[in-house]
Each structure stands twice: as C-alpha cells, then as structure tokens.
PDB file of N, CA and C in Angstrom:
ATOM      1  N   UNK A   1      97.556  34.691 103.127  1.00  0.00           N
ATOM      2  CA  UNK A   1      95.638  34.054 102.934  1.00  0.00           C
ATOM      3  C   UNK A   1      94.329  34.286 102.168  1.00  0.00           C
ATOM      4  N   UNK A   2      93.763  34.481 101.802  1.00  0.00           N
ATOM      5  CA  UNK A   2      92.763  34.548 101.339  1.00  0.00           C
ATOM      6  C   UNK A   2      91.572  35.549 102.014  1.00  0.00           C
ATOM      7  N   UNK A   3      91.190  36.833 101.436  1.00  0.00           N
ATOM      8  CA  UNK A   3      90.350  37.568 101.804  1.00  0.00           C
ATOM      9  C   UNK A   3      90.261  37.113 104.166  1.00  0.00           C
ATOM     10  N   UNK A   4      91.615  37.415 104.056  1.00  0.00           N
ATOM     11  CA  UNK A   4      92.202  37.917 105.730  1.00  0.00           C
ATOM     12  C   UNK A   4      91.459  38.494 107.133  1.00  0.00           C
ATOM     13  N   UNK A   5      91.044  37.897 107.896  1.00  0.00           N
ATOM     14  CA  UNK A   5      90.568  38.328 108.517  1.00  0.00           C
ATOM     15  C   UNK A   5      91.645  39.583 109.828  1.00  0.00           C
ATOM     16  N   UNK A   6      93.062  38.716 109.550  1.00  0.00           N
ATOM     17  CA  UNK A   6      94.436  38.895 110.263  1.00  0.00           C
ATOM     18  C   UNK A   6      95.553  38.997 109.856  1.00  0.00           C
ATOM     19  N   UNK A   7      96.260  40.450 110.467  1.00  0.00           N
ATOM     20  CA  UNK A   7      97.707  41.016 109.278  1.00  0.00           C
ATOM     21  C   UNK A   7      98.902  40.193 109.556  1.00  0.00           C
ATOM     22  N   UNK A   8      98.812  39.619 110.782  1.00  0.00           N
ATOM     23  CA  UNK A   8      99.571  38.766 111.077  1.00  0.00           C
ATOM     24  C   UNK A   8      99.023  37.290 111.534  1.00  0.00           C
ATOM     25  N   UNK A   9     100.342  36.268 112.010  1.00  0.00           N
ATOM     26  CA  UNK A   9      99.959  35.047 112.852  1.00  0.00           C
ATOM     27  C   UNK A   9      99.960  35.407 113.790  1.00  0.00           C
ATOM     28  N   UNK A  10     100.155  36.436 114.598  1.00  0.00           N
ATOM     29  CA  UNK A  10     100.033  36.358 116.465  1.00  0.00           C
ATOM     30  C   UNK A  10      98.574  36.820 116.377  1.00  0.00           C
ATOM     31  N   UNK A  11      97.743  37.365 115.840  1.00  0.00           N
ATOM     32  CA  UNK A  11      96.798  37.656 115.879  1.00  0.00           C
ATOM     33  C   UNK A  11      96.146  36.497 115.739  1.00  0.00           C
ATOM     34  N   UNK A  12      96.352  35.281 115.267  1.00  0.00           N
ATOM     35  CA  UNK A  12      95.052  34.196 115.249  1.00  0.00           C
ATOM     36  C   UNK A  12      94.744  33.559 116.176  1.00  0.00           C
ATOM     37  N   UNK A  13      96.053  34.106 117.404  1.00  0.00           N
ATOM     38  CA  UNK A  13      95.641  33.423 119.657  1.00  0.00           C
ATOM     39  C   UNK A  13      94.259  34.358 119.122  1.00  0.00           C
ATOM     40  N   UNK A  14      93.242  34.978 117.975  1.00  0.00           N
ATOM     41  CA  UNK A  14      92.358  35.572 118.988  1.00  0.00           C
ATOM     42  C   UNK A  14      91.560  34.811 118.266  1.00  0.00           C
ATOM     43  N   UNK A  15      91.552  34.111 117.550  1.00  0.00           N
ATOM     44  CA  UNK A  15      90.410  33.207 116.808  1.00  0.00           C
ATOM     45  C   UNK A  15      90.859  32.039 117.397  1.00  0.00           C
ATOM     46  N   UNK A  16      91.835  31.801 118.304  1.00  0.00           N
ATOM     47  CA  UNK A  16      91.913  29.854 119.110  1.00  0.00           C
ATOM     48  C   UNK A  16      92.479  29.563 118.139  1.00  0.00           C
ATOM     49  N   UNK A  17      93.223  29.796 117.009  1.00  0.00           N
ATOM     50  CA  UNK A  17      93.819  28.782 116.039  1.00  0.00           C
ATOM     51  C   UNK A  17      95.669  28.870 116.428  1.00  0.00           C
ATOM     52  N   UNK A  18      96.246  28.160 116.341  1.00  0.00           N
ATOM     53  CA  UNK A  18      97.584  27.833 116.004  1.00  0.00           C
ATOM     54  C   UNK A  18      98.865  27.304 114.711  1.00  0.00           C
ATOM     55  N   UNK A  19      98.622  28.300 114.511  1.00  0.00           N
ATOM     56  CA  UNK A  19      99.303  28.635 112.641  1.00  0.00           C
ATOM     57  C   UNK A  19     100.721  27.991 112.852  1.00  0.00           C
ATOM     58  N   UNK A  20     101.236  28.066 113.579  1.00  0.00           N
ATOM     59  CA  UNK A  20     102.185  26.921 113.228  1.00  0.00           C
ATOM     60  C   UNK A  20     102.704  25.471 113.543  1.00  0.00           C
ATOM     61  N   UNK A  21     101.780  25.850 114.641  1.00  0.00           N
ATOM     62  CA  UNK A  21     101.730  23.696 115.050  1.00  0.00           C
ATOM     63  C   UNK A  21     100.541  23.211 114.066  1.00  0.00           C
ATOM     64  N   UNK A  22      99.553  24.260 114.103  1.00  0.00           N
ATOM     65  CA  UNK A  22      98.453  23.308 112.515  1.00  0.00           C
ATOM     66  C   UNK A  22      99.096  23.095 111.634  1.00  0.00           C
ATOM     67  N   UNK A  23     100.155  24.081 111.075  1.00  0.00           N
ATOM     68  CA  UNK A  23     100.650  23.791 109.830  1.00  0.00           C
ATOM     69  C   UNK A  23     101.760  22.625 109.495  1.00  0.00           C
ATOM     70  N   UNK A  24     102.069  22.800 111.048  1.00  0.00           N
ATOM     71  CA  UNK A  24     102.974  21.400 111.080  1.00  0.00           C
ATOM     72  C   UNK A  24     102.429  20.545 111.269  1.00  0.00           C
ATOM     73  N   UNK A  25     101.609  20.231 111.940  1.00  0.00           N
ATOM     74  CA  UNK A  25     100.403  19.009 111.518  1.00  0.00           C
ATOM     75  C   UNK A  25     100.127  18.684 109.890  1.00  0.00           C
ATOM     76  N   UNK A  26      99.660  19.597 109.238  1.00  0.00           N
ATOM     77  CA  UNK A  26      99.357  19.216 108.355  1.00  0.00           C
ATOM     78  C   UNK A  26     100.531  18.918 106.850  1.00  0.00           C
ATOM     79  N   UNK A  27     101.487  19.276 107.246  1.00  0.00           N
ATOM     80  CA  UNK A  27     102.485  18.953 106.334  1.00  0.00           C
ATOM     81  C   UNK A  27     103.093  17.778 107.044  1.00  0.00           C
ATOM     82  N   UNK A  28     103.237  16.986 108.220  1.00  0.00           N
ATOM     83  CA  UNK A  28     103.648  15.754 108.859  1.00  0.00           C
ATOM     84  C   UNK A  28     102.543  14.881 107.930  1.00  0.00           C
ATOM     85  N   UNK A  29     101.366  14.872 107.900  1.00  0.00           N
ATOM     86  CA  UNK A  29      99.813  14.290 107.726  1.00  0.00           C
ATOM     87  C   UNK A  29     100.423  14.504 106.446  1.00  0.00           C
ATOM     88  N   UNK A  30     100.325  15.384 105.309  1.00  0.00           N
ATOM     89  CA  UNK A  30     100.141  15.087 103.806  1.00  0.00           C
ATOM     90  C   UNK A  30     101.685  14.395 103.679  1.00  0.00           C
ATOM     91  N   UNK A  31     102.919  14.500 104.259  1.00  0.00           N
ATOM     92  CA  UNK A  31     103.908  13.602 103.646  1.00  0.00           C
ATOM     93  C   UNK A  31     103.824  12.028 104.140  1.00  0.00           C
ATOM     94  N   UNK A  32     103.477  11.627 105.490  1.00  0.00           N
ATOM     95  CA  UNK A  32     102.821  10.624 105.276  1.00  0.00           C
ATOM     96  C   UNK A  32     101.743   9.712 104.274  1.00  0.00           C
ATOM     97  N   UNK A  33     101.150  10.673 104.155  1.00  0.00           N
ATOM     98  CA  UNK A  33      99.646  10.389 102.826  1.00  0.00           C
ATOM     99  C   UNK A  33     100.354   9.848 102.086  1.00  0.00           C
ATOM    100  N   UNK A  34     101.182  10.994 101.310  1.00  0.00           N
ATOM    101  CA  UNK A  34     102.272  10.806  99.980  1.00  0.00           C
ATOM    102  C   UNK A  34     103.071  10.539 100.000  1.00  0.00           C
ATOM    103  N   UNK A  35     103.398   9.601 101.186  1.00  0.00           N
ATOM    104  CA  UNK A  35     104.823   8.491 100.877  1.00  0.00           C
ATOM    105  C   UNK A  35     106.041   9.321 100.461  1.00  0.00           C
ATOM    106  N   UNK A  36     106.409   8.935  99.231  1.00  0.00           N
ATOM    107  CA  UNK A  36     107.430   8.874  98.241  1.00  0.00           C
ATOM    108  C   UNK A  36     106.793   9.757  96.979  1.00  0.00           C
ATOM    109  N   UNK A  37     105.738   9.641  96.524  1.00  0.00           N
ATOM    110  CA  UNK A  37     105.803  10.533  95.566  1.00  0.00           C
ATOM    111  C   UNK A  37     105.239  12.118  95.858  1.00  0.00           C
ATOM    112  N   UNK A  38     104.833  12.873  96.781  1.00  0.00           N
ATOM    113  CA  UNK A  38     104.793  14.116  96.923  1.00  0.00           C
ATOM    114  C   UNK A  38     105.559  14.314  98.384  1.00  0.00           C
ATOM    115  N   UNK A  39     106.193  16.033  98.454  1.00  0.00           N
ATOM    116  CA  UNK A  39     106.959  15.889  99.917  1.00  0.00           C
ATOM    117  C   UNK A  39     106.660  17.740 100.373  1.00  0.00           C
ATOM    118  N   UNK A  40     105.970  18.105 101.293  1.00  0.00           N
ATOM    119  CA  UNK A  40     106.210  19.509 101.519  1.00  0.00           C
ATOM    120  C   UNK A  40     106.879  19.959 102.932  1.00  0.00           C
ATOM    121  N   UNK A  41     107.481  20.636 102.796  1.00  0.00           N
ATOM    122  CA  UNK A  41     108.547  21.224 103.069  1.00  0.00           C
ATOM    123  C   UNK A  41     108.119  23.000 103.691  1.00  0.00           C
ATOM    124  N   UNK A  42     107.885  23.202 104.921  1.00  0.00           N
ATOM    125  CA  UNK A  42     107.693  24.524 105.221  1.00  0.00           C
ATOM    126  C   UNK A  42     108.716  25.408 105.585  1.00  0.00           C
ATOM    127  N   UNK A  43     109.194  26.039 104.339  1.00  0.00           N
ATOM    128  CA  UNK A  43     110.520  27.112 104.372  1.00  0.00           C
ATOM    129  C   UNK A  43     110.654  28.194 105.039  1.00  0.00           C
ATOM    130  N   UNK A  44     109.699  28.852 105.218  1.00  0.00           N
ATOM    131  CA  UNK A  44     109.422  30.255 106.072  1.00  0.00           C
ATOM    132  C   UNK A  44     108.108  30.320 106.511  1.00  0.00           C
ATOM    133  N   UNK A  45     108.118  30.603 108.197  1.00  0.00           N
ATOM    134  CA  UNK A  45     106.591  31.527 108.495  1.00  0.00           C
ATOM    135  C   UNK A  45     106.921  32.244 109.415  1.00  0.00           C
ATOM    136  N   UNK A  46     107.079  33.476 109.590  1.00  0.00           N
ATOM    137  CA  UNK A  46     107.088  34.799 110.711  1.00  0.00           C
ATOM    138  C   UNK A  46     106.001  34.887 111.223  1.00  0.00           C
ATOM    139  N   UNK A  47     106.304  35.305 112.026  1.00  0.00           N
ATOM    140  CA  UNK A  47     105.077  35.748 113.246  1.00  0.00           C
ATOM    141  C   UNK A  47     104.787  36.894 112.894  1.00  0.00           C
ATOM    142  N   UNK A  48     104.882  38.366 112.722  1.00  0.00           N
ATOM    143  CA  UNK A  48     104.621  39.420 112.276  1.00  0.00           C
ATOM    144  C   UNK A  48     103.987  39.090 109.968  1.00  0.00           C
ATOM    145  N   UNK A  49     104.219  38.264 109.795  1.00  0.00           N
ATOM    146  CA  UNK A  49     103.333  38.152 108.729  1.00  0.00           C
ATOM    147  C   UNK A  49     102.178  37.208 108.773  1.00  0.00           C
ATOM    148  N   UNK A  50     101.478  37.361 107.482  1.00  0.00           N
ATOM    149  CA  UNK A  50     100.557  36.026 107.822  1.00  0.00           C
ATOM    150  C   UNK A  50     100.509  35.198 106.386  1.00  0.00           C
ATOM    151  N   UNK A  51     101.465  35.365 105.735  1.00  0.00           N
ATOM    152  CA  UNK A  51     101.894  34.542 104.650  1.00  0.00           C
ATOM    153  C   UNK A  51     102.852  33.176 105.319  1.00  0.00           C
ATOM    154  N   UNK A  52     103.471  31.819 104.009  1.00  0.00           N
ATOM    155  CA  UNK A  52     103.773  31.087 104.784  1.00  0.00           C
ATOM    156  C   UNK A  52     104.743  30.463 103.686  1.00  0.00           C
ATOM    157  N   UNK A  53     106.301  29.620 103.879  1.00  0.00           N
ATOM    158  CA  UNK A  53     106.363  29.686 102.204  1.00  0.00           C
ATOM    159  C   UNK A  53     106.978  27.886 102.603  1.00  0.00           C
ATOM    160  N   UNK A  54     106.196  27.630 101.393  1.00  0.00           N
ATOM    161  CA  UNK A  54     106.523  26.163 101.395  1.00  0.00           C
ATOM    162  C   UNK A  54     107.328  25.245  99.935  1.00  0.00           C
ATOM    163  N   UNK A  55     107.944  24.252 100.463  1.00  0.00           N
ATOM    164  CA  UNK A  55     108.308  23.524  98.971  1.00  0.00           C
ATOM    165  C   UNK A  55     107.906  22.093  98.724  1.00  0.00           C
ATOM    166  N   UNK A  56     107.636  22.096  97.601  1.00  0.00           N
ATOM    167  CA  UNK A  56     106.321  21.270  97.040  1.00  0.00           C
ATOM    168  C   UNK A  56     107.268  19.743  96.696  1.00  0.00           C
ATOM    169  N   UNK A  57     108.016  19.213  96.617  1.00  0.00           N
ATOM    170  CA  UNK A  57     109.019  18.127  95.881  1.00  0.00           C
ATOM    171  C   UNK A  57     107.836  16.940  95.523  1.00  0.00           C
ATOM    172  N   UNK A  58     107.644  17.144  94.573  1.00  0.00           N
ATOM    173  CA  UNK A  58     106.645  15.587  93.704  1.00  0.00           C
ATOM    174  C   UNK A  58     107.587  14.464  92.712  1.00  0.00           C
ATOM    175  N   UNK A  59     107.200  13.489  92.546  1.00  0.00           N
ATOM    176  CA  UNK A  59     107.457  13.238  91.253  1.00  0.00           C
ATOM    177  C   UNK A  59     106.728  13.012  89.957  1.00  0.00           C
ATOM    178  N   UNK A  60     106.824  13.396  89.143  1.00  0.00           N
ATOM    179  CA  UNK A  60     106.249  13.388  87.751  1.00  0.00           C
ATOM    180  C   UNK A  60     106.157  12.366  86.905  1.00  0.00           C
ATOM    181  N   UNK A  61     104.512  12.438  86.460  1.00  0.00           N
ATOM    182  CA  UNK A  61     104.011  10.737  86.194  1.00  0.00           C
ATOM    183  C   UNK A  61     103.857  11.452  84.845  1.00  0.00           C
ATOM    184  N   UNK A  62     104.007  12.754  84.298  1.00  0.00           N
ATOM    185  CA  UNK A  62     103.993  13.374  83.021  1.00  0.00           C
ATOM    186  C   UNK A  62     104.932  13.690  82.953  1.00  0.00           C
ATOM    187  N   UNK A  63     105.578  14.482  81.231  1.00  0.00           N
ATOM    188  CA  UNK A  63     106.112  15.261  80.934  1.00  0.00           C
ATOM    189  C   UNK A  63     105.249  16.485  80.684  1.00  0.00           C
ATOM    190  N   UNK A  64     103.916  16.206  80.502  1.00  0.00           N
ATOM    191  CA  UNK A  64     102.911  17.480  80.110  1.00  0.00           C
ATOM    192  C   UNK A  64     103.060  18.400  80.876  1.00  0.00           C
ATOM    193  N   UNK A  65     103.557  20.091  81.232  1.00  0.00           N
ATOM    194  CA  UNK A  65     103.863  21.041  81.595  1.00  0.00           C
ATOM    195  C   UNK A  65     102.039  21.154  82.641  1.00  0.00           C
ATOM    196  N   UNK A  66     101.080  21.321  81.635  1.00  0.00           N
ATOM    197  CA  UNK A  66      99.959  21.034  82.114  1.00  0.00           C
ATOM    198  C   UNK A  66      99.238  20.072  83.092  1.00  0.00           C
ATOM    199  N   UNK A  67      99.895  18.933  82.467  1.00  0.00           N
ATOM    200  CA  UNK A  67      99.489  17.833  83.332  1.00  0.00           C
ATOM    201  C   UNK A  67     100.039  18.054  85.000  1.00  0.00           C
ATOM    202  N   UNK A  68     101.243  18.596  85.056  1.00  0.00           N
ATOM    203  CA  UNK A  68     101.905  19.080  86.487  1.00  0.00           C
ATOM    204  C   UNK A  68     101.370  20.072  86.595  1.00  0.00           C
ATOM    205  N   UNK A  69     101.465  20.630  86.400  1.00  0.00           N
ATOM    206  CA  UNK A  69     100.409  21.966  87.369  1.00  0.00           C
ATOM    207  C   UNK A  69      98.831  21.359  87.743  1.00  0.00           C
ATOM    208  N   UNK A  70      98.281  20.994  86.674  1.00  0.00           N
ATOM    209  CA  UNK A  70      96.771  20.231  87.641  1.00  0.00           C
ATOM    210  C   UNK A  70      96.755  19.576  88.532  1.00  0.00           C
ATOM    211  N   UNK A  71      98.321  18.401  88.914  1.00  0.00           N
ATOM    212  CA  UNK A  71      98.699  17.986  90.151  1.00  0.00           C
ATOM    213  C   UNK A  71      99.427  18.648  91.324  1.00  0.00           C
ATOM    214  N   UNK A  72      99.628  19.134  90.879  1.00  0.00           N
ATOM    215  CA  UNK A  72     100.491  20.732  91.893  1.00  0.00           C
ATOM    216  C   UNK A  72      98.954  21.173  92.363  1.00  0.00           C
ATOM    217  N   UNK A  73      98.442  21.627  91.720  1.00  0.00           N
ATOM    218  CA  UNK A  73      97.247  22.565  92.078  1.00  0.00           C
ATOM    219  C   UNK A  73      95.710  21.695  92.852  1.00  0.00           C
ATOM    220  N   UNK A  74      96.141  20.529  92.734  1.00  0.00           N
ATOM    221  CA  UNK A  74      94.965  19.009  93.227  1.00  0.00           C
ATOM    222  C   UNK A  74      95.771  19.244  94.840  1.00  0.00           C
ATOM    223  N   UNK A  75      97.097  18.860  94.678  1.00  0.00           N
ATOM    224  CA  UNK A  75      97.676  18.614  95.578  1.00  0.00           C
ATOM    225  C   UNK A  75      97.297  19.423  96.913  1.00  0.00           C
ATOM    226  N   UNK A  76      97.919  20.931  96.171  1.00  0.00           N
ATOM    227  CA  UNK A  76      97.454  22.498  97.175  1.00  0.00           C
ATOM    228  C   UNK A  76      96.303  22.511  97.590  1.00  0.00           C
ATOM    229  N   UNK A  77      95.174  22.470  96.730  1.00  0.00           N
ATOM    230  CA  UNK A  77      93.163  22.830  97.229  1.00  0.00           C
ATOM    231  C   UNK A  77      93.305  21.667  97.442  1.00  0.00           C
ATOM    232  N   UNK A  78      93.089  20.873  97.267  1.00  0.00           N
ATOM    233  CA  UNK A  78      91.863  19.550  98.459  1.00  0.00           C
ATOM    234  C   UNK A  78      92.657  19.524  98.579  1.00  0.00           C
ATOM    235  N   UNK A  79      94.138  18.562  99.148  1.00  0.00           N
ATOM    236  CA  UNK A  79      94.642  17.752 100.022  1.00  0.00           C
ATOM    237  C   UNK A  79      95.384  18.613 101.262  1.00  0.00           C
ATOM    238  N   UNK A  80      96.343  19.663 101.191  1.00  0.00           N
ATOM    239  CA  UNK A  80      97.082  20.345 101.501  1.00  0.00           C
ATOM    240  C   UNK A  80      95.251  21.610 103.048  1.00  0.00           C
ATOM    241  N   UNK A  81      95.084  22.085 101.361  1.00  0.00           N
ATOM    242  CA  UNK A  81      94.422  23.545 101.881  1.00  0.00           C
ATOM    243  C   UNK A  81      92.844  23.166 102.659  1.00  0.00           C
ATOM    244  N   UNK A  82      92.663  22.181 101.945  1.00  0.00           N
ATOM    245  CA  UNK A  82      91.329  21.396 103.169  1.00  0.00           C
ATOM    246  C   UNK A  82      91.788  20.756 104.257  1.00  0.00           C
ATOM    247  N   UNK A  83      92.513  20.408 104.819  1.00  0.00           N
ATOM    248  CA  UNK A  83      93.405  19.940 106.132  1.00  0.00           C
ATOM    249  C   UNK A  83      92.952  20.793 107.502  1.00  0.00           C
ATOM    250  N   UNK A  84      93.855  22.111 106.383  1.00  0.00           N
ATOM    251  CA  UNK A  84      94.004  23.474 107.101  1.00  0.00           C
ATOM    252  C   UNK A  84      92.466  23.886 107.653  1.00  0.00           C
ATOM    253  N   UNK A  85      91.747  23.996 106.335  1.00  0.00           N
ATOM    254  CA  UNK A  85      90.717  25.034 106.595  1.00  0.00           C
ATOM    255  C   UNK A  85      89.753  23.897 107.293  1.00  0.00           C
ATOM    256  N   UNK A  86      89.144  22.792 107.579  1.00  0.00           N
ATOM    257  CA  UNK A  86      88.433  21.766 108.757  1.00  0.00           C
ATOM    258  C   UNK A  86      89.945  21.603 109.542  1.00  0.00           C
ATOM    259  N   UNK A  87      90.034  20.959 109.005  1.00  0.00           N
ATOM    260  CA  UNK A  87      91.104  20.286 110.398  1.00  0.00           C
ATOM    261  C   UNK A  87      91.802  21.036 111.722  1.00  0.00           C
ATOM    262  N   UNK A  88      92.193  21.933 110.399  1.00  0.00           N
ATOM    263  CA  UNK A  88      93.155  22.883 112.178  1.00  0.00           C
ATOM    264  C   UNK A  88      92.322  24.045 111.768  1.00  0.00           C
ATOM    265  N   UNK A  89      91.272  24.085 111.666  1.00  0.00           N
ATOM    266  CA  UNK A  89      90.051  25.867 111.429  1.00  0.00           C
ATOM    267  C   UNK A  89      90.450  26.706 111.191  1.00  0.00           C
ATOM    268  N   UNK A  90      91.483  27.106 110.382  1.00  0.00           N
ATOM    269  CA  UNK A  90      91.724  28.347 109.527  1.00  0.00           C
ATOM    270  C   UNK A  90      90.370  28.936 109.040  1.00  0.00           C
ATOM    271  N   UNK A  91      89.670  28.143 108.936  1.00  0.00           N
ATOM    272  CA  UNK A  91      88.625  28.752 108.168  1.00  0.00           C
ATOM    273  C   UNK A  91      88.005  29.969 108.998  1.00  0.00           C
ATOM    274  N   UNK A  92      88.575  30.570 110.432  1.00  0.00           N
ATOM    275  CA  UNK A  92      88.156  31.039 111.289  1.00  0.00           C
ATOM    276  C   UNK A  92      88.963  32.453 111.096  1.00  0.00           C
ATOM    277  N   UNK A  93      90.385  32.024 109.718  1.00  0.00           N
ATOM    278  CA  UNK A  93      90.954  33.036 109.713  1.00  0.00           C
ATOM    279  C   UNK A  93      90.515  33.724 108.602  1.00  0.00           C
ATOM    280  N   UNK A  94      89.885  33.607 107.646  1.00  0.00           N
ATOM    281  CA  UNK A  94      89.119  34.601 106.541  1.00  0.00           C
ATOM    282  C   UNK A  94      87.724  34.417 106.451  1.00  0.00           C
ATOM    283  N   UNK A  95      87.637  36.026 105.699  1.00  0.00           N
ATOM    284  CA  UNK A  95      86.426  36.420 105.659  1.00  0.00           C
ATOM    285  C   UNK A  95      85.002  36.386 105.010  1.00  0.00           C
ATOM    286  N   UNK A  96      84.504  36.374 105.228  1.00  0.00           N
ATOM    287  CA  UNK A  96      83.012  36.021 104.363  1.00  0.00           C
ATOM    288  C   UNK A  96      83.161  34.937 103.029  1.00  0.00           C
ATOM    289  N   UNK A  97      84.322  35.819 102.584  1.00  0.00           N
ATOM    290  CA  UNK A  97      84.540  35.760 100.259  1.00  0.00           C
ATOM    291  C   UNK A  97      85.255  34.724 100.279  1.00  0.00           C
ATOM    292  N   UNK A  98      86.285  34.328 101.755  1.00  0.00           N
ATOM    293  CA  UNK A  98      86.700  33.072 101.514  1.00  0.00           C
ATOM    294  C   UNK A  98      86.065  32.271 101.985  1.00  0.00           C
ATOM    295  N   UNK A  99      85.322  32.493 102.630  1.00  0.00           N
ATOM    296  CA  UNK A  99      84.529  30.913 103.073  1.00  0.00           C
ATOM    297  C   UNK A  99      83.567  30.292 101.951  1.00  0.00           C
ATOM    298  N   UNK A 100      82.862  31.433 101.696  1.00  0.00           N
ATOM    299  CA  UNK A 100      82.555  31.469 100.210  1.00  0.00           C
ATOM    300  C   UNK A 100      82.728  30.783  99.346  1.00  0.00           C
ATOM    301  N   UNK A 101      83.641  30.677  98.433  1.00  0.00           N
ATOM    302  CA  UNK A 101      84.696  30.131  97.913  1.00  0.00           C
ATOM    303  C   UNK A 101      85.247  29.392  98.378  1.00  0.00           C
ATOM    304  N   UNK A 102      85.159  28.620 100.061  1.00  0.00           N
ATOM    305  CA  UNK A 102      85.984  27.712 100.367  1.00  0.00           C
ATOM    306  C   UNK A 102      87.556  27.613  99.730  1.00  0.00           C
ATOM    307  N   UNK A 103      87.962  29.011 100.425  1.00  0.00           N
ATOM    308  CA  UNK A 103      89.923  29.327  99.392  1.00  0.00           C
ATOM    309  C   UNK A 103      90.332  29.571 100.756  1.00  0.00           C
ATOM    310  N   UNK A 104      91.048  29.074 100.801  1.00  0.00           N
ATOM    311  CA  UNK A 104      91.833  29.312 102.198  1.00  0.00           C
ATOM    312  C   UNK A 104      93.502  30.428 101.719  1.00  0.00           C
ATOM    313  N   UNK A 105      93.906  30.321 100.881  1.00  0.00           N
ATOM    314  CA  UNK A 105      95.427  31.310 100.622  1.00  0.00           C
ATOM    315  C   UNK A 105      94.924  31.108  99.192  1.00  0.00           C
ATOM    316  N   UNK A 106      95.660  32.181  98.531  1.00  0.00           N
ATOM    317  CA  UNK A 106      96.257  32.431  97.095  1.00  0.00           C
ATOM    318  C   UNK A 106      97.549  31.415  97.497  1.00  0.00           C
ATOM    319  N   UNK A 107      98.139  30.756  96.271  1.00  0.00           N
ATOM    320  CA  UNK A 107      99.589  30.510  95.831  1.00  0.00           C
ATOM    321  C   UNK A 107     100.558  31.239  94.761  1.00  0.00           C
ATOM    322  N   UNK A 108     101.785  31.487  94.856  1.00  0.00           N
ATOM    323  CA  UNK A 108     101.894  31.142  93.097  1.00  0.00           C
ATOM    324  C   UNK A 108     102.614  29.936  93.050  1.00  0.00           C
ATOM    325  N   UNK A 109     102.968  29.371  91.795  1.00  0.00           N
ATOM    326  CA  UNK A 109     103.852  28.119  91.839  1.00  0.00           C
ATOM    327  C   UNK A 109     105.376  28.877  91.166  1.00  0.00           C
ATOM    328  N   UNK A 110     106.283  28.287  91.539  1.00  0.00           N
ATOM    329  CA  UNK A 110     107.622  28.648  90.842  1.00  0.00           C
ATOM    330  C   UNK A 110     108.409  27.487  91.117  1.00  0.00           C
ATOM    331  N   UNK A 111     109.290  26.899  89.769  1.00  0.00           N
ATOM    332  CA  UNK A 111     109.994  26.058  89.639  1.00  0.00           C
ATOM    333  C   UNK A 111     111.176  26.593  89.711  1.00  0.00           C
ATOM    334  N   UNK A 112     111.832  25.173  90.383  1.00  0.00           N
ATOM    335  CA  UNK A 112     112.843  25.116  91.036  1.00  0.00           C
ATOM    336  C   UNK A 112     114.362  24.285  90.325  1.00  0.00           C
ATOM    337  N   UNK A 113     115.137  25.378  89.648  1.00  0.00           N
ATOM    338  CA  UNK A 113     116.282  24.464  88.905  1.00  0.00           C
ATOM    339  C   UNK A 113     117.265  24.357  89.264  1.00  0.00           C
TER     340      UNK A 113
END
C-alpha cells in the first residue's frame, strides 16, 4: 500500500473495506475484460501483512522491452488500481499523499523466466 493507513489487512475492517474479497472481484473482472490478452492471479495475501503478490501474464504485441513495460504499467495503474481504488473503496486505506497522487500501491515488476 502506498501511504498506508493500515499495518495489516485485518485493520481494513475499521474502514469497512474487505481486502481479500475486493481483490478477488477486481482480479476476476480484469481477467474477463482482457480475455486471453492479459491474466492476473493472486499468489499471496496474508492477513497480518499489508501487501499482496500477483502474477500477470500477458501476450506481447511488441518485442521492444520498453513497449512491454509501458503496457504492463498501464494495465496495473489504470485498469487494475482504479478498480480497487474506486470500485472497492480502497481509497479509504491510503493517506492524503496517496489520495492526492491517486496512487494506491507501489509495485515492482519481476520477469518470470
């Protein structure tokens, strides 16, 4: 979580947010929307932590690494994060800085070989 107001997912209940269910709904909707072009899978989400781990698989339309990174960034920041931020009310879990920047989480991209 970026600019997090919670130390773990259990604390999200104070903000009337159900992280596990919300994440599952957004992942399912993302997978339906993107068909066979992109697929998300939840790998890890522990109640006593405030992070989750996803796997993103997507078909590459380009061999250029920068174009692929731009597409992944767009998928994560626009499609996925916006649905969590607004649709699942996760905006309640981030502080003023996160709300101002409309940034829900920090992430790193690790290629799978």
